[in-house]
N, C-alpha and C. Protein backbone atom coordinates (compact mmCIF):
# COMPACT_ATOMS: atom_id res chain seq x y z
N MET A 1 -70.56 57.21 -2.78
CA MET A 1 -69.65 57.71 -3.80
C MET A 1 -68.60 58.58 -3.11
N LYS A 2 -67.34 58.27 -3.37
CA LYS A 2 -66.23 59.01 -2.79
C LYS A 2 -65.36 59.56 -3.92
N THR A 3 -65.18 60.87 -3.95
CA THR A 3 -64.36 61.50 -4.98
C THR A 3 -62.90 61.13 -4.76
N ILE A 4 -62.24 60.69 -5.85
CA ILE A 4 -60.82 60.36 -5.75
C ILE A 4 -59.94 61.32 -6.56
N TYR A 5 -60.56 62.04 -7.51
CA TYR A 5 -59.79 62.97 -8.35
C TYR A 5 -60.76 63.97 -8.94
N ASN A 6 -60.35 65.24 -8.96
CA ASN A 6 -61.24 66.29 -9.43
C ASN A 6 -60.43 67.34 -10.18
N GLU A 7 -60.93 67.77 -11.32
CA GLU A 7 -60.31 68.85 -12.11
C GLU A 7 -61.41 69.81 -12.56
N CYS A 8 -61.10 71.09 -12.60
CA CYS A 8 -62.05 72.10 -13.06
C CYS A 8 -61.41 72.93 -14.16
N LEU A 9 -62.21 73.32 -15.13
CA LEU A 9 -61.76 74.20 -16.20
C LEU A 9 -62.68 75.40 -16.27
N GLY A 10 -62.14 76.53 -16.71
CA GLY A 10 -62.96 77.72 -16.97
C GLY A 10 -63.70 78.22 -15.76
N ASN A 11 -62.98 78.42 -14.65
CA ASN A 11 -63.61 78.95 -13.43
C ASN A 11 -64.80 78.08 -13.02
N SER A 12 -64.59 76.78 -13.01
CA SER A 12 -65.59 75.76 -12.64
C SER A 12 -66.71 75.61 -13.66
N GLU A 13 -66.45 76.04 -14.90
CA GLU A 13 -67.44 75.81 -15.97
C GLU A 13 -67.59 74.33 -16.23
N LEU A 14 -66.47 73.65 -16.39
CA LEU A 14 -66.46 72.19 -16.60
C LEU A 14 -65.78 71.54 -15.40
N ILE A 15 -66.46 70.55 -14.84
CA ILE A 15 -65.91 69.83 -13.69
C ILE A 15 -65.80 68.36 -14.05
N TYR A 16 -64.59 67.82 -13.89
CA TYR A 16 -64.30 66.42 -14.19
C TYR A 16 -64.00 65.71 -12.88
N THR A 17 -64.70 64.63 -12.61
CA THR A 17 -64.55 63.94 -11.33
C THR A 17 -64.45 62.43 -11.55
N ALA A 18 -63.48 61.82 -10.89
CA ALA A 18 -63.41 60.37 -10.80
C ALA A 18 -63.84 60.01 -9.39
N PHE A 19 -64.66 58.97 -9.28
CA PHE A 19 -65.16 58.60 -7.96
C PHE A 19 -65.11 57.09 -7.77
N CYS A 20 -65.13 56.69 -6.52
CA CYS A 20 -65.09 55.29 -6.14
C CYS A 20 -66.43 54.92 -5.52
N GLU A 21 -66.91 53.73 -5.86
CA GLU A 21 -68.13 53.20 -5.27
C GLU A 21 -68.02 51.69 -5.21
N LYS A 22 -68.87 51.07 -4.42
CA LYS A 22 -68.88 49.61 -4.31
C LYS A 22 -69.77 49.02 -5.39
N ASP A 23 -69.27 48.01 -6.08
CA ASP A 23 -70.08 47.27 -7.04
C ASP A 23 -71.06 46.42 -6.25
N THR A 24 -72.33 46.50 -6.59
CA THR A 24 -73.35 45.78 -5.83
C THR A 24 -73.26 44.26 -6.01
N ASP A 25 -72.77 43.81 -7.14
CA ASP A 25 -72.67 42.37 -7.38
C ASP A 25 -71.45 41.73 -6.71
N THR A 26 -70.30 42.40 -6.83
CA THR A 26 -69.06 41.81 -6.33
C THR A 26 -68.61 42.38 -4.99
N ASN A 27 -69.21 43.48 -4.57
CA ASN A 27 -68.85 44.18 -3.34
C ASN A 27 -67.40 44.67 -3.35
N LYS A 28 -66.85 44.89 -4.54
CA LYS A 28 -65.49 45.42 -4.70
C LYS A 28 -65.56 46.87 -5.16
N ASN A 29 -64.46 47.58 -4.98
CA ASN A 29 -64.40 48.97 -5.44
C ASN A 29 -64.36 49.04 -6.95
N VAL A 30 -65.16 49.92 -7.51
CA VAL A 30 -65.12 50.26 -8.93
C VAL A 30 -65.06 51.78 -9.03
N TYR A 31 -64.62 52.27 -10.16
CA TYR A 31 -64.40 53.70 -10.33
C TYR A 31 -65.24 54.22 -11.47
N GLY A 32 -65.88 55.33 -11.21
CA GLY A 32 -66.74 55.96 -12.20
C GLY A 32 -66.24 57.35 -12.55
N ILE A 33 -66.88 57.93 -13.55
CA ILE A 33 -66.50 59.24 -14.08
C ILE A 33 -67.74 60.11 -14.14
N MET A 34 -67.58 61.37 -13.75
CA MET A 34 -68.66 62.34 -13.91
C MET A 34 -68.08 63.61 -14.53
N VAL A 35 -68.77 64.12 -15.55
CA VAL A 35 -68.40 65.39 -16.17
C VAL A 35 -69.63 66.28 -16.11
N ARG A 36 -69.45 67.46 -15.55
CA ARG A 36 -70.55 68.41 -15.39
C ARG A 36 -70.20 69.73 -16.06
N ASP A 37 -71.13 70.23 -16.86
CA ASP A 37 -71.01 71.54 -17.51
C ASP A 37 -71.96 72.48 -16.78
N ASN A 38 -71.42 73.42 -16.02
CA ASN A 38 -72.25 74.33 -15.23
C ASN A 38 -72.90 75.43 -16.05
N LEU A 39 -72.44 75.66 -17.27
CA LEU A 39 -73.09 76.67 -18.11
C LEU A 39 -74.39 76.15 -18.70
N THR A 40 -74.39 74.88 -19.11
CA THR A 40 -75.59 74.31 -19.73
C THR A 40 -76.37 73.40 -18.76
N ASN A 41 -75.83 73.24 -17.55
CA ASN A 41 -76.44 72.36 -16.55
C ASN A 41 -76.65 70.94 -17.07
N THR A 42 -75.65 70.42 -17.76
CA THR A 42 -75.69 69.04 -18.24
C THR A 42 -74.58 68.25 -17.57
N GLU A 43 -74.77 66.95 -17.49
CA GLU A 43 -73.73 66.11 -16.93
C GLU A 43 -73.80 64.72 -17.54
N ALA A 44 -72.66 64.05 -17.48
CA ALA A 44 -72.56 62.66 -17.92
C ALA A 44 -71.93 61.88 -16.77
N ILE A 45 -72.51 60.74 -16.47
CA ILE A 45 -71.98 59.89 -15.40
C ILE A 45 -71.79 58.48 -15.96
N LEU A 46 -70.59 57.97 -15.77
CA LEU A 46 -70.26 56.60 -16.17
C LEU A 46 -69.99 55.80 -14.90
N HIS A 47 -70.93 55.00 -14.47
CA HIS A 47 -70.74 54.15 -13.30
C HIS A 47 -69.93 52.92 -13.71
N SER A 48 -69.14 52.41 -12.80
CA SER A 48 -68.34 51.20 -13.03
C SER A 48 -67.53 51.29 -14.31
N PHE A 49 -66.88 52.42 -14.52
CA PHE A 49 -66.06 52.63 -15.71
C PHE A 49 -64.86 51.67 -15.73
N THR A 50 -64.23 51.49 -14.57
CA THR A 50 -63.06 50.63 -14.49
C THR A 50 -62.92 50.10 -13.06
N SER A 51 -62.15 49.06 -12.92
CA SER A 51 -61.85 48.55 -11.58
C SER A 51 -60.48 49.02 -11.11
N HIS A 52 -59.84 49.88 -11.89
CA HIS A 52 -58.50 50.37 -11.58
C HIS A 52 -58.51 51.88 -11.36
N ARG A 53 -58.08 52.28 -10.18
CA ARG A 53 -58.03 53.70 -9.82
C ARG A 53 -57.21 54.51 -10.82
N GLU A 54 -56.04 53.99 -11.19
CA GLU A 54 -55.13 54.70 -12.10
C GLU A 54 -55.78 54.94 -13.46
N ALA A 55 -56.56 53.98 -13.94
CA ALA A 55 -57.23 54.12 -15.23
C ALA A 55 -58.29 55.23 -15.16
N ALA A 56 -58.98 55.35 -14.05
CA ALA A 56 -59.98 56.41 -13.89
C ALA A 56 -59.32 57.77 -13.90
N ILE A 57 -58.21 57.91 -13.20
CA ILE A 57 -57.49 59.18 -13.16
C ILE A 57 -56.91 59.51 -14.53
N ASP A 58 -56.35 58.53 -15.21
CA ASP A 58 -55.81 58.74 -16.55
C ASP A 58 -56.90 59.19 -17.51
N PHE A 59 -58.08 58.59 -17.39
CA PHE A 59 -59.18 58.98 -18.28
C PHE A 59 -59.62 60.42 -18.00
N ILE A 60 -59.69 60.81 -16.74
CA ILE A 60 -60.03 62.20 -16.40
C ILE A 60 -59.01 63.14 -17.03
N GLU A 61 -57.74 62.82 -16.93
CA GLU A 61 -56.70 63.67 -17.52
C GLU A 61 -56.84 63.75 -19.03
N THR A 62 -57.25 62.67 -19.67
CA THR A 62 -57.52 62.67 -21.11
C THR A 62 -58.68 63.62 -21.43
N LEU A 63 -59.74 63.56 -20.64
CA LEU A 63 -60.89 64.44 -20.86
C LEU A 63 -60.50 65.90 -20.69
N VAL A 64 -59.71 66.19 -19.67
CA VAL A 64 -59.28 67.58 -19.41
C VAL A 64 -58.42 68.09 -20.55
N ARG A 65 -57.45 67.28 -21.00
CA ARG A 65 -56.57 67.71 -22.10
C ARG A 65 -57.37 68.04 -23.36
N ASN A 66 -58.44 67.31 -23.59
CA ASN A 66 -59.23 67.49 -24.80
C ASN A 66 -60.47 68.35 -24.61
N ILE A 67 -60.65 68.87 -23.40
CA ILE A 67 -61.80 69.73 -23.05
C ILE A 67 -63.11 69.10 -23.55
N VAL A 68 -63.38 67.92 -23.05
CA VAL A 68 -64.55 67.16 -23.46
C VAL A 68 -65.77 67.60 -22.66
N HIS A 69 -66.85 67.90 -23.35
CA HIS A 69 -68.11 68.29 -22.73
C HIS A 69 -68.96 67.04 -22.48
N PRO A 70 -69.93 67.11 -21.57
CA PRO A 70 -70.73 65.93 -21.22
C PRO A 70 -71.34 65.19 -22.40
N ASP A 71 -71.74 65.91 -23.43
CA ASP A 71 -72.39 65.26 -24.57
C ASP A 71 -71.48 64.26 -25.30
N PHE A 72 -70.17 64.38 -25.12
CA PHE A 72 -69.23 63.56 -25.87
C PHE A 72 -68.47 62.56 -25.00
N VAL A 73 -68.75 62.51 -23.71
CA VAL A 73 -68.02 61.63 -22.80
C VAL A 73 -68.17 60.16 -23.20
N ASN A 74 -69.35 59.74 -23.54
CA ASN A 74 -69.56 58.33 -23.91
C ASN A 74 -68.75 57.94 -25.13
N ASP A 75 -68.68 58.81 -26.13
CA ASP A 75 -67.90 58.52 -27.33
C ASP A 75 -66.42 58.41 -27.02
N VAL A 76 -65.92 59.34 -26.21
CA VAL A 76 -64.50 59.32 -25.84
C VAL A 76 -64.20 58.09 -24.98
N ALA A 77 -65.11 57.73 -24.10
CA ALA A 77 -64.92 56.55 -23.24
C ALA A 77 -64.83 55.28 -24.08
N GLU A 78 -65.67 55.18 -25.06
CA GLU A 78 -65.65 54.00 -25.94
C GLU A 78 -64.31 53.89 -26.65
N ASP A 79 -63.83 55.01 -27.21
CA ASP A 79 -62.52 55.00 -27.88
C ASP A 79 -61.41 54.68 -26.90
N TYR A 80 -61.48 55.23 -25.70
CA TYR A 80 -60.46 55.03 -24.68
C TYR A 80 -60.38 53.55 -24.29
N LEU A 81 -61.53 52.92 -24.08
CA LEU A 81 -61.54 51.52 -23.67
C LEU A 81 -61.12 50.58 -24.79
N LEU A 82 -61.35 50.97 -26.04
CA LEU A 82 -60.96 50.13 -27.18
C LEU A 82 -59.48 50.22 -27.51
N SER A 83 -58.82 51.29 -27.06
CA SER A 83 -57.39 51.45 -27.39
C SER A 83 -56.49 50.71 -26.45
């Protein structure tokens, strides 16, 4: 896993990370998302979120703008992918 984009809010309370990893089936780069809340010690990880680097970064920026906590990342991701 290689970090490609990282944002922090609230003195590192919330950490938003886009990362690159190899897809085991296709051996191509795919991009995932991780959101960590250091106050509650919770995190959400979306592996193989997209095959496009720009889409992963755009999604992280959407999460940051809306101050999304780990519990809601899946719901926001679903809406994001459907739009």
